[in-house]
Amino acid sequence: MSQTDNQSGSRKRDETLSKDGQWRSFPKVPCLLQYVNNGNYYGRIRVNGKLIRESLKTTVWTTARMRLTDLQKEQRENSNRVEPPKFSEAVELFKQELEHDTTLKPQSKKYRLYCLTKLQRTWPELWELRINEITPEACKEWAAKLVSEIACHYYNNMLGTLKQILQTGIKAHRDGPSHWLQTMRQPPRN
């Protein structure tokens, strides 16, 4: 064995090959893998129970170790980020809350649902947007068109319904995805 091979081996510590001989792992650096065929290094980490394998885009041992640390940090930070719900999901939550609201009379609940139907007819694209994608300018543009189409008291109730749905979506996002997904999956209470 030449001296360069010996130095390389000691630097990488004890490496082990997978059963198929395609992957080299390093027990002293447990989340690091090397693909034997081309020498590229990969990070293999578990974040919130999800296994992630990502290329570190290097064939150099020291660079791979540094990038592995960066990958671990980045994935853990990203695991806490959650996409806000779509407007359609917020509408479903709003409907559930409306159905179980004991402070409203049945006719008031029907009126809110009627406002919701009108909202969907006048702004159908809204249903596919995420809560954070709805801009004040888009709301103003929609409201400017709507004001000429309907009576002022109905207009105010439409705006109120939109505001309540947005607040429901924001609250659901703030409480976390598990909360709003769990709420959406619950069967209606009778």
N, C-alpha and C. Protein backbone atom coordinates (compact mmCIF):
# COMPACT_ATOMS: atom_id res chain seq x y z
N MET A 1 0.85 -1.18 0.00
CA MET A 1 0.00 0.00 0.00
C MET A 1 0.89 1.24 0.00
N SER A 2 0.61 2.18 -0.88
CA SER A 2 1.41 3.39 -0.94
C SER A 2 1.06 4.32 0.20
N GLN A 3 1.92 5.30 0.41
CA GLN A 3 1.70 6.23 1.51
C GLN A 3 0.48 7.11 1.28
N THR A 4 0.18 7.49 0.03
CA THR A 4 -1.00 8.31 -0.25
C THR A 4 -2.27 7.54 0.03
N ASP A 5 -2.29 6.23 -0.29
CA ASP A 5 -3.47 5.43 0.04
C ASP A 5 -3.68 5.36 1.54
N ASN A 6 -2.60 5.22 2.27
CA ASN A 6 -2.69 5.12 3.72
C ASN A 6 -3.21 6.42 4.32
N GLN A 7 -2.73 7.57 3.81
CA GLN A 7 -3.19 8.86 4.32
C GLN A 7 -4.67 9.06 3.99
N SER A 8 -5.05 8.70 2.79
CA SER A 8 -6.45 8.84 2.40
C SER A 8 -7.34 7.98 3.28
N GLY A 9 -6.93 6.76 3.55
CA GLY A 9 -7.72 5.86 4.39
C GLY A 9 -7.82 6.35 5.81
N SER A 10 -6.73 6.88 6.38
CA SER A 10 -6.78 7.35 7.76
C SER A 10 -7.63 8.61 7.86
N ARG A 11 -7.61 9.40 6.80
CA ARG A 11 -8.40 10.62 6.82
C ARG A 11 -9.89 10.29 6.79
N LYS A 12 -10.26 9.29 6.04
CA LYS A 12 -11.66 8.91 5.92
C LYS A 12 -12.09 8.00 7.06
N ARG A 13 -11.15 7.57 7.84
CA ARG A 13 -11.39 6.63 8.96
C ARG A 13 -11.84 5.29 8.41
N ASP A 14 -12.58 4.60 9.15
CA ASP A 14 -13.01 3.26 8.75
C ASP A 14 -14.20 3.36 7.82
N GLU A 15 -14.00 3.05 6.56
CA GLU A 15 -15.10 3.11 5.61
C GLU A 15 -15.66 1.72 5.40
N THR A 16 -16.94 1.64 5.10
CA THR A 16 -17.57 0.35 4.84
C THR A 16 -18.36 0.44 3.55
N LEU A 17 -18.37 -0.64 2.82
CA LEU A 17 -19.12 -0.70 1.58
C LEU A 17 -20.49 -1.33 1.82
N SER A 18 -21.47 -0.88 1.05
CA SER A 18 -22.79 -1.50 1.12
C SER A 18 -22.73 -2.90 0.53
N LYS A 19 -23.75 -3.68 0.72
CA LYS A 19 -23.77 -5.06 0.23
C LYS A 19 -23.62 -5.12 -1.29
N ASP A 20 -24.20 -4.15 -1.99
CA ASP A 20 -24.09 -4.16 -3.44
C ASP A 20 -22.80 -3.51 -3.95
N GLY A 21 -22.02 -2.95 -3.04
CA GLY A 21 -20.74 -2.35 -3.41
C GLY A 21 -20.84 -0.99 -4.06
N GLN A 22 -22.03 -0.37 -4.04
CA GLN A 22 -22.24 0.91 -4.71
C GLN A 22 -21.99 2.11 -3.79
N TRP A 23 -22.18 1.93 -2.48
CA TRP A 23 -22.11 3.04 -1.54
C TRP A 23 -21.08 2.77 -0.47
N ARG A 24 -20.33 3.78 -0.15
CA ARG A 24 -19.36 3.72 0.94
C ARG A 24 -19.88 4.60 2.07
N SER A 25 -19.89 4.06 3.27
CA SER A 25 -20.31 4.85 4.43
C SER A 25 -19.14 4.98 5.38
N PHE A 26 -19.26 5.91 6.30
CA PHE A 26 -18.16 6.24 7.21
C PHE A 26 -18.70 6.29 8.63
N PRO A 27 -18.45 5.26 9.43
CA PRO A 27 -19.00 5.21 10.78
C PRO A 27 -18.63 6.42 11.65
N LYS A 28 -17.48 7.02 11.41
CA LYS A 28 -17.09 8.19 12.21
C LYS A 28 -17.85 9.45 11.78
N VAL A 29 -18.44 9.41 10.57
CA VAL A 29 -19.26 10.52 10.06
C VAL A 29 -20.55 9.86 9.55
N PRO A 30 -21.49 9.57 10.45
CA PRO A 30 -22.61 8.69 10.12
C PRO A 30 -23.55 9.16 9.00
N CYS A 31 -23.65 10.40 8.72
CA CYS A 31 -24.62 10.86 7.71
C CYS A 31 -23.98 11.07 6.35
N LEU A 32 -22.74 10.66 6.20
CA LEU A 32 -22.03 10.87 4.95
C LEU A 32 -21.93 9.57 4.17
N LEU A 33 -22.24 9.64 2.89
CA LEU A 33 -22.13 8.50 1.97
C LEU A 33 -21.32 8.94 0.77
N GLN A 34 -20.68 7.94 0.13
CA GLN A 34 -19.98 8.23 -1.13
C GLN A 34 -20.43 7.20 -2.15
N TYR A 35 -20.81 7.68 -3.32
CA TYR A 35 -21.18 6.78 -4.41
C TYR A 35 -19.89 6.31 -5.04
N VAL A 36 -19.66 5.02 -5.02
CA VAL A 36 -18.37 4.45 -5.42
C VAL A 36 -18.07 4.70 -6.89
N ASN A 37 -19.04 4.57 -7.78
CA ASN A 37 -18.79 4.67 -9.23
C ASN A 37 -18.17 6.00 -9.65
N ASN A 38 -18.65 7.11 -9.08
CA ASN A 38 -18.12 8.41 -9.52
C ASN A 38 -17.43 9.20 -8.40
N GLY A 39 -17.48 8.71 -7.16
CA GLY A 39 -16.79 9.37 -6.06
C GLY A 39 -17.54 10.52 -5.43
N ASN A 40 -18.76 10.83 -5.89
CA ASN A 40 -19.54 11.94 -5.32
C ASN A 40 -20.01 11.59 -3.91
N TYR A 41 -20.03 12.61 -3.07
CA TYR A 41 -20.50 12.43 -1.69
C TYR A 41 -21.96 12.87 -1.58
N TYR A 42 -22.67 12.23 -0.67
CA TYR A 42 -24.08 12.51 -0.42
C TYR A 42 -24.30 12.62 1.08
N GLY A 43 -25.23 13.48 1.44
CA GLY A 43 -25.68 13.54 2.82
C GLY A 43 -26.94 12.71 2.95
N ARG A 44 -27.02 11.92 4.01
CA ARG A 44 -28.20 11.08 4.25
C ARG A 44 -28.64 11.37 5.68
N ILE A 45 -29.69 12.20 5.82
CA ILE A 45 -30.12 12.63 7.16
C ILE A 45 -31.61 12.39 7.33
N ARG A 46 -32.01 12.32 8.57
CA ARG A 46 -33.41 12.13 8.90
C ARG A 46 -33.88 13.38 9.65
N VAL A 47 -34.93 14.02 9.12
CA VAL A 47 -35.49 15.23 9.73
C VAL A 47 -36.97 14.99 9.94
N ASN A 48 -37.41 15.08 11.18
CA ASN A 48 -38.82 14.84 11.53
C ASN A 48 -39.32 13.50 10.97
N GLY A 49 -38.49 12.48 11.04
CA GLY A 49 -38.88 11.16 10.59
C GLY A 49 -38.76 10.94 9.09
N LYS A 50 -38.42 11.96 8.34
CA LYS A 50 -38.31 11.85 6.88
C LYS A 50 -36.83 11.69 6.51
N LEU A 51 -36.55 10.66 5.73
CA LEU A 51 -35.18 10.39 5.30
C LEU A 51 -34.88 11.21 4.05
N ILE A 52 -33.78 11.95 4.09
CA ILE A 52 -33.40 12.82 2.98
C ILE A 52 -31.99 12.44 2.54
N ARG A 53 -31.83 12.16 1.24
CA ARG A 53 -30.51 11.91 0.68
C ARG A 53 -30.30 12.94 -0.41
N GLU A 54 -29.25 13.72 -0.27
CA GLU A 54 -29.01 14.81 -1.22
C GLU A 54 -27.53 14.87 -1.57
N SER A 55 -27.25 15.13 -2.83
CA SER A 55 -25.87 15.24 -3.29
C SER A 55 -25.20 16.45 -2.64
N LEU A 56 -23.95 16.27 -2.24
CA LEU A 56 -23.17 17.38 -1.70
C LEU A 56 -22.33 18.03 -2.79
N LYS A 57 -22.43 17.49 -4.02
CA LYS A 57 -21.79 18.05 -5.22
C LYS A 57 -20.29 18.25 -5.06
N THR A 58 -19.66 17.21 -4.53
CA THR A 58 -18.21 17.24 -4.40
C THR A 58 -17.68 15.82 -4.34
N THR A 59 -16.40 15.68 -4.72
CA THR A 59 -15.70 14.40 -4.57
C THR A 59 -14.56 14.53 -3.56
N VAL A 60 -14.49 15.68 -2.91
CA VAL A 60 -13.43 15.95 -1.94
C VAL A 60 -13.95 15.72 -0.52
N TRP A 61 -13.23 14.91 0.24
CA TRP A 61 -13.64 14.50 1.59
C TRP A 61 -13.89 15.69 2.52
N THR A 62 -12.94 16.63 2.61
CA THR A 62 -13.08 17.74 3.55
C THR A 62 -14.23 18.67 3.15
N THR A 63 -14.41 18.89 1.86
CA THR A 63 -15.52 19.71 1.38
C THR A 63 -16.85 19.03 1.68
N ALA A 64 -16.88 17.72 1.51
CA ALA A 64 -18.11 16.96 1.78
C ALA A 64 -18.52 17.09 3.25
N ARG A 65 -17.55 17.01 4.15
CA ARG A 65 -17.88 17.12 5.59
C ARG A 65 -18.44 18.50 5.92
N MET A 66 -17.87 19.55 5.32
CA MET A 66 -18.38 20.91 5.57
C MET A 66 -19.79 21.07 4.99
N ARG A 67 -19.99 20.57 3.78
CA ARG A 67 -21.31 20.70 3.14
C ARG A 67 -22.36 19.85 3.85
N LEU A 68 -21.95 18.75 4.43
CA LEU A 68 -22.87 17.92 5.20
C LEU A 68 -23.42 18.70 6.39
N THR A 69 -22.56 19.41 7.07
CA THR A 69 -22.99 20.24 8.21
C THR A 69 -23.98 21.30 7.74
N ASP A 70 -23.67 21.94 6.59
CA ASP A 70 -24.58 22.95 6.04
C ASP A 70 -25.92 22.34 5.66
N LEU A 71 -25.89 21.14 5.05
CA LEU A 71 -27.11 20.45 4.66
C LEU A 71 -27.98 20.13 5.88
N GLN A 72 -27.35 19.63 6.93
CA GLN A 72 -28.10 19.30 8.14
C GLN A 72 -28.77 20.54 8.73
N LYS A 73 -28.03 21.63 8.79
CA LYS A 73 -28.57 22.87 9.33
C LYS A 73 -29.73 23.38 8.47
N GLU A 74 -29.53 23.39 7.15
CA GLU A 74 -30.56 23.89 6.22
C GLU A 74 -31.84 23.04 6.30
N GLN A 75 -31.70 21.73 6.33
CA GLN A 75 -32.87 20.86 6.36
C GLN A 75 -33.64 21.00 7.67
N ARG A 76 -32.94 21.18 8.77
CA ARG A 76 -33.63 21.35 10.05
C ARG A 76 -34.38 22.69 10.10
N GLU A 77 -33.77 23.72 9.52
CA GLU A 77 -34.44 25.02 9.46
C GLU A 77 -35.67 24.95 8.56
N ASN A 78 -35.54 24.28 7.41
CA ASN A 78 -36.65 24.17 6.47
C ASN A 78 -37.77 23.29 6.98
N SER A 79 -37.46 22.37 7.88
CA SER A 79 -38.50 21.47 8.38
C SER A 79 -39.53 22.22 9.21
N ASN A 80 -39.17 23.38 9.72
CA ASN A 80 -40.11 24.17 10.53
C ASN A 80 -40.97 25.10 9.70
N ARG A 81 -40.61 25.26 8.41
CA ARG A 81 -41.39 26.12 7.54
C ARG A 81 -42.61 25.37 7.04
N VAL A 82 -43.71 26.07 7.01
CA VAL A 82 -44.96 25.44 6.59
C VAL A 82 -45.65 26.35 5.59
N GLU A 83 -46.12 25.76 4.51
CA GLU A 83 -46.87 26.52 3.52
C GLU A 83 -48.21 26.95 4.12
N PRO A 84 -48.61 28.18 3.91
CA PRO A 84 -49.93 28.60 4.36
C PRO A 84 -51.01 27.83 3.59
N PRO A 85 -52.19 27.68 4.18
CA PRO A 85 -53.25 26.94 3.49
C PRO A 85 -53.74 27.71 2.26
N LYS A 86 -54.31 26.97 1.32
CA LYS A 86 -54.96 27.60 0.18
C LYS A 86 -56.25 28.26 0.68
N PHE A 87 -56.72 29.21 -0.10
CA PHE A 87 -57.97 29.89 0.26
C PHE A 87 -59.10 28.87 0.35
N SER A 88 -59.11 27.89 -0.55
CA SER A 88 -60.17 26.86 -0.54
C SER A 88 -60.14 26.07 0.77
N GLU A 89 -58.95 25.82 1.30
CA GLU A 89 -58.84 25.11 2.59
C GLU A 89 -59.35 25.99 3.72
N ALA A 90 -59.03 27.29 3.65
CA ALA A 90 -59.53 28.23 4.65
C ALA A 90 -61.05 28.31 4.59
N VAL A 91 -61.62 28.22 3.38
CA VAL A 91 -63.08 28.24 3.22
C VAL A 91 -63.70 27.04 3.92
N GLU A 92 -63.09 25.86 3.75
CA GLU A 92 -63.61 24.66 4.40
C GLU A 92 -63.57 24.79 5.92
N LEU A 93 -62.49 25.35 6.43
CA LEU A 93 -62.40 25.59 7.88
C LEU A 93 -63.47 26.58 8.33
N PHE A 94 -63.64 27.64 7.53
CA PHE A 94 -64.65 28.65 7.84
C PHE A 94 -66.04 28.02 7.88
N LYS A 95 -66.34 27.15 6.91
CA LYS A 95 -67.65 26.49 6.87
C LYS A 95 -67.85 25.63 8.12
N GLN A 96 -66.80 24.92 8.53
CA GLN A 96 -66.91 24.09 9.74
C GLN A 96 -67.16 24.95 10.97
N GLU A 97 -66.40 26.04 11.08
CA GLU A 97 -66.60 26.94 12.22
C GLU A 97 -67.99 27.55 12.20
N LEU A 98 -68.46 27.92 11.01
CA LEU A 98 -69.78 28.50 10.86
C LEU A 98 -70.86 27.50 11.28
N GLU A 99 -70.69 26.25 10.87
CA GLU A 99 -71.67 25.21 11.19
C GLU A 99 -71.78 24.99 12.69
N HIS A 100 -70.67 25.11 13.40
CA HIS A 100 -70.66 24.84 14.84
C HIS A 100 -70.79 26.09 15.70
N ASP A 101 -70.98 27.23 15.06
CA ASP A 101 -71.13 28.48 15.80
C ASP A 101 -72.55 28.58 16.37
N THR A 102 -72.66 28.53 17.68
CA THR A 102 -73.98 28.57 18.33
C THR A 102 -74.47 29.99 18.54
N THR A 103 -73.64 30.98 18.27
CA THR A 103 -74.06 32.37 18.47
C THR A 103 -74.82 32.93 17.27
N LEU A 104 -74.79 32.22 16.14
CA LEU A 104 -75.48 32.69 14.94
C LEU A 104 -76.78 31.92 14.73
N LYS A 105 -77.77 32.63 14.25
CA LYS A 105 -79.03 31.99 13.89
C LYS A 105 -78.85 31.25 12.57
N PRO A 106 -79.66 30.23 12.32
CA PRO A 106 -79.55 29.47 11.07
C PRO A 106 -79.64 30.35 9.83
N GLN A 107 -80.49 31.37 9.87
CA GLN A 107 -80.62 32.25 8.71
C GLN A 107 -79.35 33.06 8.46
N SER A 108 -78.67 33.45 9.54
CA SER A 108 -77.40 34.18 9.40
C SER A 108 -76.33 33.28 8.79
N LYS A 109 -76.34 32.02 9.18
CA LYS A 109 -75.39 31.06 8.62
C LYS A 109 -75.64 30.88 7.12
N LYS A 110 -76.90 30.78 6.74
CA LYS A 110 -77.25 30.63 5.32
C LYS A 110 -76.80 31.86 4.54
N TYR A 111 -76.95 33.04 5.14
CA TYR A 111 -76.57 34.28 4.48
C TYR A 111 -75.05 34.30 4.23
N ARG A 112 -74.26 33.87 5.23
CA ARG A 112 -72.80 33.80 5.06
C ARG A 112 -72.44 32.84 3.92
N LEU A 113 -73.12 31.72 3.85
CA LEU A 113 -72.87 30.76 2.78
C LEU A 113 -73.27 31.34 1.42
N TYR A 114 -74.34 32.13 1.42
CA TYR A 114 -74.76 32.81 0.20
C TYR A 114 -73.67 33.81 -0.24
N CYS A 115 -73.13 34.54 0.72
CA CYS A 115 -72.03 35.48 0.43
C CYS A 115 -70.82 34.72 -0.13
N LEU A 116 -70.58 33.55 0.42
CA LEU A 116 -69.48 32.71 -0.03
C LEU A 116 -69.67 32.26 -1.48
N THR A 117 -70.89 31.90 -1.83
CA THR A 117 -71.20 31.49 -3.20
C THR A 117 -70.97 32.65 -4.16
N LYS A 118 -71.43 33.83 -3.78
CA LYS A 118 -71.23 35.03 -4.61
C LYS A 118 -69.74 35.34 -4.74
N LEU A 119 -69.01 35.17 -3.67
CA LEU A 119 -67.57 35.41 -3.70
C LEU A 119 -66.90 34.47 -4.70
N GLN A 120 -67.31 33.22 -4.70
CA GLN A 120 -66.72 32.26 -5.63
C GLN A 120 -67.08 32.59 -7.09
N ARG A 121 -68.29 33.08 -7.32
CA ARG A 121 -68.69 33.45 -8.68
C ARG A 121 -67.96 34.69 -9.18
N THR A 122 -67.69 35.63 -8.28
CA THR A 122 -67.08 36.89 -8.71
C THR A 122 -65.56 36.86 -8.70
N TRP A 123 -64.96 35.89 -7.99
CA TRP A 123 -63.49 35.81 -7.92
C TRP A 123 -63.08 34.33 -7.86
N PRO A 124 -63.29 33.58 -8.93
CA PRO A 124 -63.02 32.13 -8.91
C PRO A 124 -61.53 31.78 -8.75
N GLU A 125 -60.62 32.63 -9.23
CA GLU A 125 -59.18 32.36 -9.13
C GLU A 125 -58.72 32.33 -7.68
N LEU A 126 -59.46 32.98 -6.81
CA LEU A 126 -59.09 33.09 -5.40
C LEU A 126 -58.97 31.72 -4.74
N TRP A 127 -59.76 30.76 -5.16
CA TRP A 127 -59.81 29.45 -4.51
C TRP A 127 -58.49 28.69 -4.64
N GLU A 128 -57.69 29.00 -5.66
CA GLU A 128 -56.43 28.28 -5.86
C GLU A 128 -55.23 28.99 -5.23
N LEU A 129 -55.43 30.21 -4.75
CA LEU A 129 -54.33 30.97 -4.16
C LEU A 129 -54.10 30.55 -2.72
N ARG A 130 -52.84 30.63 -2.30
CA ARG A 130 -52.53 30.45 -0.88
C ARG A 130 -52.83 31.77 -0.18
N ILE A 131 -53.09 31.69 1.11
CA ILE A 131 -53.46 32.88 1.88
C ILE A 131 -52.43 34.00 1.72
N ASN A 132 -51.14 33.65 1.71
CA ASN A 132 -50.11 34.68 1.61
C ASN A 132 -49.95 35.25 0.19
N GLU A 133 -50.62 34.65 -0.79
CA GLU A 133 -50.54 35.14 -2.17
C GLU A 133 -51.65 36.15 -2.49
N ILE A 134 -52.57 36.35 -1.58
CA ILE A 134 -53.67 37.28 -1.81
C ILE A 134 -53.20 38.67 -1.41
N THR A 135 -53.09 39.54 -2.38
CA THR A 135 -52.55 40.87 -2.12
C THR A 135 -53.67 41.87 -1.84
N PRO A 136 -53.36 42.92 -1.10
CA PRO A 136 -54.35 43.98 -0.88
C PRO A 136 -54.82 44.60 -2.20
N GLU A 137 -53.90 44.71 -3.17
CA GLU A 137 -54.27 45.29 -4.47
C GLU A 137 -55.31 44.43 -5.18
N ALA A 138 -55.13 43.10 -5.11
CA ALA A 138 -56.09 42.20 -5.75
C ALA A 138 -57.46 42.30 -5.07
N CYS A 139 -57.46 42.42 -3.75
CA CYS A 139 -58.72 42.57 -3.01
C CYS A 139 -59.42 43.88 -3.39
N LYS A 140 -58.64 44.96 -3.50
CA LYS A 140 -59.21 46.25 -3.87
C LYS A 140 -59.78 46.22 -5.29
N GLU A 141 -59.05 45.55 -6.19
CA GLU A 141 -59.51 45.44 -7.57
C GLU A 141 -60.83 44.66 -7.64
N TRP A 142 -60.90 43.55 -6.92
CA TRP A 142 -62.13 42.75 -6.87
C TRP A 142 -63.28 43.56 -6.26
N ALA A 143 -62.99 44.26 -5.17
CA ALA A 143 -64.01 45.04 -4.48
C ALA A 143 -64.52 46.18 -5.36
N ALA A 144 -63.64 46.80 -6.14
CA ALA A 144 -64.04 47.89 -7.03
C ALA A 144 -65.03 47.41 -8.09
N LYS A 145 -64.81 46.19 -8.61
CA LYS A 145 -65.75 45.63 -9.58
C LYS A 145 -67.07 45.27 -8.91
N LEU A 146 -66.98 44.74 -7.71
CA LEU A 146 -68.15 44.24 -7.00
C LEU A 146 -69.09 45.36 -6.55
N VAL A 147 -68.55 46.48 -6.17
CA VAL A 147 -69.35 47.57 -5.60
C VAL A 147 -70.43 48.05 -6.58
N SER A 148 -70.15 47.97 -7.87
CA SER A 148 -71.14 48.42 -8.85
C SER A 148 -72.19 47.35 -9.16
N GLU A 149 -71.95 46.11 -8.73
CA GLU A 149 -72.85 45.01 -9.06
C GLU A 149 -73.91 44.72 -8.00
N ILE A 150 -73.63 45.05 -6.74
CA ILE A 150 -74.54 44.63 -5.67
C ILE A 150 -74.86 45.78 -4.74
N ALA A 151 -75.88 45.59 -3.92
CA ALA A 151 -76.31 46.61 -2.95
C ALA A 151 -75.22 46.81 -1.89
N CYS A 152 -75.20 48.00 -1.30
CA CYS A 152 -74.13 48.36 -0.36
C CYS A 152 -74.10 47.46 0.88
N HIS A 153 -75.27 47.11 1.44
CA HIS A 153 -75.25 46.27 2.65
C HIS A 153 -74.76 44.85 2.31
N TYR A 154 -75.11 44.35 1.13
CA TYR A 154 -74.64 43.04 0.68
C TYR A 154 -73.13 43.09 0.42
N TYR A 155 -72.69 44.20 -0.16
CA TYR A 155 -71.26 44.42 -0.42
C TYR A 155 -70.47 44.36 0.89
N ASN A 156 -70.95 45.05 1.91
CA ASN A 156 -70.27 45.05 3.21
C ASN A 156 -70.22 43.64 3.82
N ASN A 157 -71.30 42.89 3.66
CA ASN A 157 -71.30 41.53 4.18
C ASN A 157 -70.36 40.62 3.41
N MET A 158 -70.22 40.84 2.10
CA MET A 158 -69.27 40.08 1.29
C MET A 158 -67.84 40.35 1.76
N LEU A 159 -67.54 41.62 2.00
CA LEU A 159 -66.21 41.96 2.50
C LEU A 159 -65.97 41.35 3.88
N GLY A 160 -67.00 41.39 4.72
CA GLY A 160 -66.89 40.79 6.05
C GLY A 160 -66.64 39.29 5.98
N THR A 161 -67.31 38.62 5.06
CA THR A 161 -67.12 37.17 4.90
C THR A 161 -65.71 36.87 4.42
N LEU A 162 -65.24 37.65 3.44
CA LEU A 162 -63.87 37.48 2.95
C LEU A 162 -62.87 37.67 4.09
N LYS A 163 -63.08 38.70 4.87
CA LYS A 163 -62.18 38.99 5.99
C LYS A 163 -62.18 37.83 7.00
N GLN A 164 -63.34 37.29 7.31
CA GLN A 164 -63.42 36.18 8.26
C GLN A 164 -62.69 34.94 7.73
N ILE A 165 -62.83 34.67 6.44
CA ILE A 165 -62.15 33.51 5.85
C ILE A 165 -60.64 33.71 5.91
N LEU A 166 -60.18 34.90 5.57
CA LEU A 166 -58.75 35.18 5.64
C LEU A 166 -58.23 35.04 7.07
N GLN A 167 -58.97 35.55 8.03
CA GLN A 167 -58.57 35.41 9.44
C GLN A 167 -58.53 33.95 9.86
N THR A 168 -59.49 33.16 9.39
CA THR A 168 -59.50 31.73 9.69
C THR A 168 -58.26 31.06 9.11
N GLY A 169 -57.90 31.40 7.88
CA GLY A 169 -56.70 30.84 7.24
C GLY A 169 -55.43 31.26 7.93
N ILE A 170 -55.35 32.52 8.34
CA ILE A 170 -54.16 33.02 9.04
C ILE A 170 -54.02 32.32 10.39
N LYS A 171 -55.13 32.17 11.10
CA LYS A 171 -55.10 31.49 12.39
C LYS A 171 -54.69 30.04 12.22
N ALA A 172 -55.19 29.39 11.19
CA ALA A 172 -54.84 27.99 10.93
C ALA A 172 -53.35 27.87 10.63
N HIS A 173 -52.80 28.81 9.87
CA HIS A 173 -51.37 28.78 9.54
C HIS A 173 -50.54 29.03 10.79
N ARG A 174 -50.96 29.96 11.61
CA ARG A 174 -50.24 30.29 12.84
C ARG A 174 -50.24 29.10 13.81
N ASP A 175 -51.37 28.40 13.88
CA ASP A 175 -51.48 27.25 14.78
C ASP A 175 -50.73 26.04 14.26
N GLY A 176 -50.39 26.06 12.97
CA GLY A 176 -49.61 24.97 12.40
C GLY A 176 -50.45 24.06 11.53
N PRO A 177 -49.78 23.36 10.61
CA PRO A 177 -50.50 22.53 9.65
C PRO A 177 -51.20 21.37 10.29
N SER A 178 -50.63 20.82 11.34
CA SER A 178 -51.26 19.66 11.95
C SER A 178 -52.63 20.05 12.50
N HIS A 179 -52.74 21.30 13.01
CA HIS A 179 -54.02 21.75 13.55
C HIS A 179 -55.07 21.88 12.46
N TRP A 180 -54.74 22.57 11.36
CA TRP A 180 -55.79 22.77 10.34
C TRP A 180 -56.05 21.52 9.54
N LEU A 181 -55.04 20.66 9.35
CA LEU A 181 -55.31 19.39 8.66
C LEU A 181 -56.19 18.49 9.53
N GLN A 182 -55.89 18.48 10.82
CA GLN A 182 -56.70 17.67 11.74
C GLN A 182 -58.13 18.18 11.78
N THR A 183 -58.29 19.49 11.81
CA THR A 183 -59.63 20.07 11.83
C THR A 183 -60.39 19.71 10.57
N MET A 184 -59.71 19.72 9.42
CA MET A 184 -60.39 19.42 8.16
C MET A 184 -60.79 17.95 8.07
N ARG A 185 -60.06 17.07 8.74
CA ARG A 185 -60.35 15.65 8.67
C ARG A 185 -61.42 15.20 9.65
N GLN A 186 -61.69 16.02 10.66
CA GLN A 186 -62.67 15.63 11.66
C GLN A 186 -64.05 15.55 11.06
N PRO A 187 -64.79 14.50 11.41
CA PRO A 187 -66.18 14.44 10.91
C PRO A 187 -67.01 15.51 11.59
N PRO A 188 -68.04 15.99 10.92
CA PRO A 188 -68.88 17.03 11.52
C PRO A 188 -69.58 16.51 12.77
N ARG A 189 -69.61 17.39 13.76
CA ARG A 189 -70.30 17.04 15.02
C ARG A 189 -71.79 17.29 14.86
N ASN A 190 -72.58 16.39 15.37
CA ASN A 190 -74.04 16.56 15.31
C ASN A 190 -74.61 16.85 16.67
